[in-house]
């Protein structure tokens, strides 16, 4: 099975993905860290959804913020503490960076949500439990999808269901492009859309990339060109993983200098 998270790595550098498959003993720990951080973000979303139901009309903005963030910071601390116990000490700095980033995101998103909630309650004259679906549509979180025929597996951050239609949503902490989404994000989202179609016997016409830093959701149309790109990339990843074919890639100075396989690439190039 190919994990669809490999798509982003392949599009960044096919050779780096090859070395990960063939050489890197730390891959499991990296995947564990990535998976736990993703799950933490999903849990934070669930906690926020529960908290918004406690809010009553006429509450002051600071009181709304206090309720929305209730139990979230302590849950982050507990989760990060457990993660630190699960991973080697060398991951401590990376884990701490993730913790700081997530807490910063939480405080920012809570302020925005508090303003929206206050305005919605004032306009509609309803309590938090009556408007929660305005901000949290019916959805499945971190839903694992797989297709044995296509030999791919993945976890969609969120699948929203609106009027019987399925919409995959992927969360991204990276800086977004000025317009649209990054190609790798679009292709990975298309893989999730394909798995959703197989799992629920439906058609997916559009999905969304949610760039957390700017709190903006951007649509991606699942057209024929995007689907063709997906199948082409999956074929090449299978060749790397199963047939151990070394991919060709161009040298990009900034990427190569920051890559932990840089010395290996240099040694291989020198011996050619």
Protein backbone atom coordinates (compact mmCIF):
# COMPACT_ATOMS: atom_id res chain seq x y z
CA UNK A 1 0.00 0.00 0.00
CA UNK A 2 1.17 3.52 -0.80
CA UNK A 3 0.30 6.17 1.75
CA UNK A 4 -1.01 9.25 -0.03
CA UNK A 5 1.18 11.40 2.22
CA UNK A 6 4.02 10.17 -0.03
CA UNK A 7 2.63 12.32 -2.84
CA UNK A 8 3.75 15.59 -1.28
CA UNK A 9 7.23 14.18 -0.59
CA UNK A 10 7.51 12.86 -4.15
CA UNK A 11 6.56 16.21 -5.66
CA UNK A 12 9.07 17.96 -3.41
CA UNK A 13 11.90 15.61 -4.39
CA UNK A 14 11.47 12.07 -5.82
CA UNK A 15 15.02 11.14 -4.81
CA UNK A 16 14.37 12.07 -1.18
CA UNK A 17 11.34 9.78 -1.17
CA UNK A 18 13.51 6.98 -2.61
CA UNK A 19 16.05 7.35 0.19
CA UNK A 20 13.28 7.36 2.77
CA UNK A 21 11.93 4.07 1.45
CA UNK A 22 15.34 2.44 1.14
CA UNK A 23 17.55 3.88 3.87
CA UNK A 24 15.77 5.84 6.55
CA UNK A 25 15.19 3.99 9.81
CA UNK A 26 13.59 7.11 11.31
CA UNK A 27 10.68 7.10 8.91
CA UNK A 28 8.34 5.40 11.40
CA UNK A 29 9.07 8.04 14.06
CA UNK A 30 8.53 10.85 11.56
CA UNK A 31 5.20 9.34 10.56
CA UNK A 32 4.25 8.94 14.23
CA UNK A 33 4.98 12.61 14.94
CA UNK A 34 3.12 13.76 11.83
CA UNK A 35 0.12 11.55 12.60
CA UNK A 36 -0.15 12.55 16.27
CA UNK A 37 0.04 16.27 15.45
CA UNK A 38 -2.71 15.82 12.87
CA UNK A 39 -4.85 13.95 15.38
CA UNK A 40 -4.25 16.68 17.95
CA UNK A 41 -5.59 19.31 15.54
CA UNK A 42 -8.69 17.19 14.92
CA UNK A 43 -9.23 16.79 18.68
CA UNK A 44 -8.87 20.55 19.17
CA UNK A 45 -11.57 21.06 16.55
CA UNK A 46 -13.85 18.62 18.42
CA UNK A 47 -13.23 20.35 21.76
CA UNK A 48 -13.97 23.75 20.23
CA UNK A 49 -17.20 22.40 18.78
CA UNK A 50 -18.27 21.12 22.22
CA UNK A 51 -17.35 24.41 23.88
CA UNK A 52 -19.34 26.57 21.47
CA UNK A 53 -22.50 24.74 22.56
CA UNK A 54 -22.02 26.15 26.10
CA UNK A 55 -22.18 29.76 24.94
CA UNK A 56 -25.31 31.78 25.67
CA UNK A 57 -26.66 34.83 23.89
CA UNK A 58 -25.76 38.24 25.37
CA UNK A 59 -22.41 36.99 26.70
CA UNK A 60 -19.47 39.43 26.50
CA UNK A 61 -16.72 38.73 23.96
CA UNK A 62 -14.06 37.94 26.58
CA UNK A 63 -16.41 35.43 28.23
CA UNK A 64 -17.07 33.77 24.88
CA UNK A 65 -13.31 33.46 24.28
CA UNK A 66 -12.80 31.92 27.73
CA UNK A 67 -15.47 29.29 27.09
CA UNK A 68 -14.21 28.46 23.60
CA UNK A 69 -10.67 27.77 24.81
CA UNK A 70 -11.77 25.80 27.88
CA UNK A 71 -9.71 22.59 28.39
CA UNK A 72 -7.91 23.00 25.07
CA UNK A 73 -4.50 24.23 26.29
CA UNK A 74 -4.35 21.56 29.02
CA UNK A 75 -5.25 18.92 26.41
CA UNK A 76 -2.42 20.14 24.17
CA UNK A 77 0.02 19.96 27.10
CA UNK A 78 -1.07 16.41 27.93
CA UNK A 79 -0.86 15.21 24.33
CA UNK A 80 2.55 16.76 23.74
CA UNK A 81 3.84 15.30 27.00
CA UNK A 82 2.73 11.81 25.92
CA UNK A 83 4.31 12.33 22.51
CA UNK A 84 7.64 13.31 24.07
CA UNK A 85 7.61 10.03 26.00
CA UNK A 86 6.93 8.05 22.82
CA UNK A 87 9.71 9.53 20.68
CA UNK A 88 13.51 9.67 21.10
CA UNK A 89 15.06 12.70 22.79
CA UNK A 90 16.34 14.01 19.45
CA UNK A 91 12.73 14.88 18.58
CA UNK A 92 12.28 17.16 21.61
CA UNK A 93 13.08 20.40 19.78
CA UNK A 94 10.80 19.53 16.86
CA UNK A 95 7.96 18.59 19.22
CA UNK A 96 8.36 21.86 21.14
CA UNK A 97 8.21 23.83 17.88
CA UNK A 98 4.99 22.04 16.93
CA UNK A 99 3.51 22.79 20.36
CA UNK A 100 4.29 26.53 20.11
CA UNK A 101 2.85 26.64 16.60
CA UNK A 102 -0.38 24.87 17.59
CA UNK A 103 -0.98 27.02 20.67
CA UNK A 104 -0.43 30.16 18.58
CA UNK A 105 -2.94 28.86 16.01
CA UNK A 106 -5.47 28.10 18.75
CA UNK A 107 -5.38 31.58 20.30
CA UNK A 108 -5.71 33.19 16.88
CA UNK A 109 -8.58 30.96 15.70
CA UNK A 110 -10.44 31.31 19.02
CA UNK A 111 -10.44 35.11 18.74
CA UNK A 112 -11.82 34.91 15.19
CA UNK A 113 -14.44 32.31 16.13
CA UNK A 114 -15.48 34.33 19.20
CA UNK A 115 -16.16 37.37 17.02
CA UNK A 116 -18.14 35.29 14.49
CA UNK A 117 -20.12 33.56 17.23
CA UNK A 118 -20.97 36.81 18.98
CA UNK A 119 -22.14 38.37 15.74
CA UNK A 120 -24.19 35.30 14.73
CA UNK A 121 -25.95 35.09 18.11
CA UNK A 122 -26.72 38.80 18.04
CA UNK A 123 -28.09 38.64 14.49
CA UNK A 124 -30.09 35.42 14.89
CA UNK A 125 -30.94 35.78 18.59
CA UNK A 126 -29.84 32.20 19.27
CA UNK A 127 -27.47 30.43 21.69
CA UNK A 128 -24.24 28.67 20.77
CA UNK A 129 -25.80 25.20 20.61
CA UNK A 130 -28.29 26.52 18.04
CA UNK A 131 -25.69 27.99 15.66
CA UNK A 132 -22.88 25.42 16.01
CA UNK A 133 -23.61 23.87 12.61
CA UNK A 134 -22.93 27.24 10.96
CA UNK A 135 -19.25 26.84 11.90
CA UNK A 136 -18.98 23.04 12.12
CA UNK A 137 -20.88 21.27 9.32
CA UNK A 138 -21.72 17.57 9.62
CA UNK A 139 -18.39 15.85 9.03
CA UNK A 140 -16.09 12.89 9.65
CA UNK A 141 -12.70 13.67 11.17
CA UNK A 142 -9.38 11.98 10.32
CA UNK A 143 -11.23 9.31 8.34
CA UNK A 144 -8.98 6.48 7.16
CA UNK A 145 -9.57 5.47 3.54
CA UNK A 146 -8.00 2.72 1.43
CA UNK A 147 -8.41 1.00 -1.90
CA UNK A 148 -6.76 -2.43 -2.30
CA UNK A 149 -7.15 -2.30 -6.09
CA UNK A 150 -5.35 1.03 -6.40
CA UNK A 151 -3.01 0.02 -3.55
CA UNK A 152 -3.31 3.37 -1.79
CA UNK A 153 -4.25 4.32 1.76
CA UNK A 154 -4.64 7.66 3.50
CA UNK A 155 -6.35 9.67 6.18
CA UNK A 156 -8.51 12.60 5.13
CA UNK A 157 -8.39 15.38 7.74
CA UNK A 158 -12.08 16.05 7.33
CA UNK A 159 -14.94 14.89 5.11
CA UNK A 160 -17.85 17.32 5.19
CA UNK A 161 -21.27 16.09 4.12
CA UNK A 162 -23.65 18.77 2.86
CA UNK A 163 -26.95 17.93 1.13
CA UNK A 164 -25.71 14.39 0.48
CA UNK A 165 -22.49 15.57 -1.22
CA UNK A 166 -19.04 14.69 0.10
CA UNK A 167 -16.31 17.32 0.34
CA UNK A 168 -12.74 16.36 1.37
CA UNK A 169 -10.89 18.98 3.41
CA UNK A 170 -7.14 18.88 4.05
CA UNK A 171 -5.53 21.12 6.68
CA UNK A 172 -2.19 22.74 5.92
CA UNK A 173 0.14 24.65 8.25
CA UNK A 174 2.48 25.70 5.42
CA UNK A 175 2.44 29.18 3.92
CA UNK A 176 -0.08 29.31 1.06
CA UNK A 177 0.61 30.59 -2.45
CA UNK A 178 -0.71 34.04 -3.33
CA UNK A 179 -3.54 32.44 -5.29
CA UNK A 180 -4.98 28.95 -5.41
CA UNK A 181 -3.20 26.02 -3.76
CA UNK A 182 0.15 24.30 -4.11
CA UNK A 183 0.19 21.59 -6.79
CA UNK A 184 1.19 18.92 -4.26
CA UNK A 185 -1.75 19.86 -2.02
CA UNK A 186 -4.15 19.63 -4.97
CA UNK A 187 -2.89 16.20 -6.05
CA UNK A 188 -3.03 14.80 -2.50
CA UNK A 189 -6.58 16.14 -2.15
CA UNK A 190 -7.48 14.45 -5.45
CA UNK A 191 -6.22 11.15 -4.00
CA UNK A 192 -8.54 11.59 -1.02
CA UNK A 193 -11.41 12.44 -3.36
CA UNK A 194 -10.76 9.25 -5.33
CA UNK A 195 -10.79 7.15 -2.15
CA UNK A 196 -14.02 8.83 -0.98
CA UNK A 197 -15.66 7.99 -4.32
CA UNK A 198 -14.68 4.33 -3.90
CA UNK A 199 -15.64 4.16 -0.21
CA UNK A 200 -19.06 5.82 -0.44
CA UNK A 201 -19.99 5.06 -4.07
CA UNK A 202 -20.34 8.74 -4.89
CA UNK A 203 -18.77 11.46 -7.02
CA UNK A 204 -16.58 14.22 -5.64
CA UNK A 205 -16.46 17.36 -7.75
CA UNK A 206 -14.67 19.73 -5.42
CA UNK A 207 -12.55 19.64 -2.26
CA UNK A 208 -10.83 22.22 -0.09
CA UNK A 209 -7.37 23.03 1.22
CA UNK A 210 -7.58 24.94 4.49
CA UNK A 211 -4.45 27.00 5.14
CA UNK A 212 -4.42 27.35 8.90
CA UNK A 213 -1.95 30.27 9.08
CA UNK A 214 -4.36 32.61 7.30
CA UNK A 215 -7.58 30.79 8.29
CA UNK A 216 -8.61 30.54 4.66
CA UNK A 217 -10.22 27.66 2.80
CA UNK A 218 -9.48 27.39 -0.93
CA UNK A 219 -11.43 25.20 -3.38
CA UNK A 220 -9.90 22.61 -5.71
CA UNK A 221 -11.95 21.29 -8.64
CA UNK A 222 -11.46 17.57 -9.29
CA UNK A 223 -11.14 17.87 -13.05
CA UNK A 224 -9.71 15.35 -15.52
CA UNK A 225 -6.27 17.03 -15.67
CA UNK A 226 -5.80 16.80 -11.90
CA UNK A 227 -6.87 13.15 -11.87
CA UNK A 228 -4.44 12.31 -14.69
CA UNK A 229 -1.62 13.97 -12.75
CA UNK A 230 -2.54 11.88 -9.70
CA UNK A 231 -2.40 8.55 -11.57
CA UNK A 232 0.91 9.48 -13.20
CA UNK A 233 2.47 10.32 -9.82
CA UNK A 234 1.11 7.17 -8.15
CA UNK A 235 2.63 5.06 -10.93
CA UNK A 236 6.03 6.68 -10.42
CA UNK A 237 5.86 6.26 -6.63
CA UNK A 238 5.07 2.55 -7.08
CA UNK A 239 8.16 2.22 -9.30
CA UNK A 240 10.29 3.79 -6.56
CA UNK A 241 8.82 1.71 -3.74
CA UNK A 242 8.31 -1.69 -5.36
CA UNK A 243 10.88 -1.80 -8.15
CA UNK A 244 13.46 0.29 -6.25
CA UNK A 245 14.06 2.40 -9.35
CA UNK A 246 16.21 5.44 -8.57
CA UNK A 247 14.34 8.51 -9.84
CA UNK A 248 15.98 11.32 -11.73
CA UNK A 249 15.67 14.77 -10.22
CA UNK A 250 17.16 18.20 -10.78
CA UNK A 251 19.45 19.85 -8.26
CA UNK A 252 17.91 22.87 -6.53
CA UNK A 253 20.47 24.52 -4.27
CA UNK A 254 18.23 25.61 -1.38
CA UNK A 255 16.39 22.28 -1.26
CA UNK A 256 19.56 20.24 -1.40
CA UNK A 257 21.43 22.24 1.26
CA UNK A 258 18.60 21.69 3.76
CA UNK A 259 18.11 18.00 2.94
CA UNK A 260 19.32 15.34 5.36
CA UNK A 261 20.30 13.15 2.39
CA UNK A 262 22.56 15.78 0.82
CA UNK A 263 25.78 13.93 1.66
CA UNK A 264 24.46 10.71 0.15
CA UNK A 265 23.50 12.48 -3.08
CA UNK A 266 26.96 14.06 -3.28
CA UNK A 267 28.68 10.72 -2.71
CA UNK A 268 26.55 8.99 -5.36
CA UNK A 269 27.17 11.79 -7.87
CA UNK A 270 30.92 11.69 -7.19
CA UNK A 271 31.12 7.94 -7.86
CA UNK A 272 29.28 8.13 -11.17
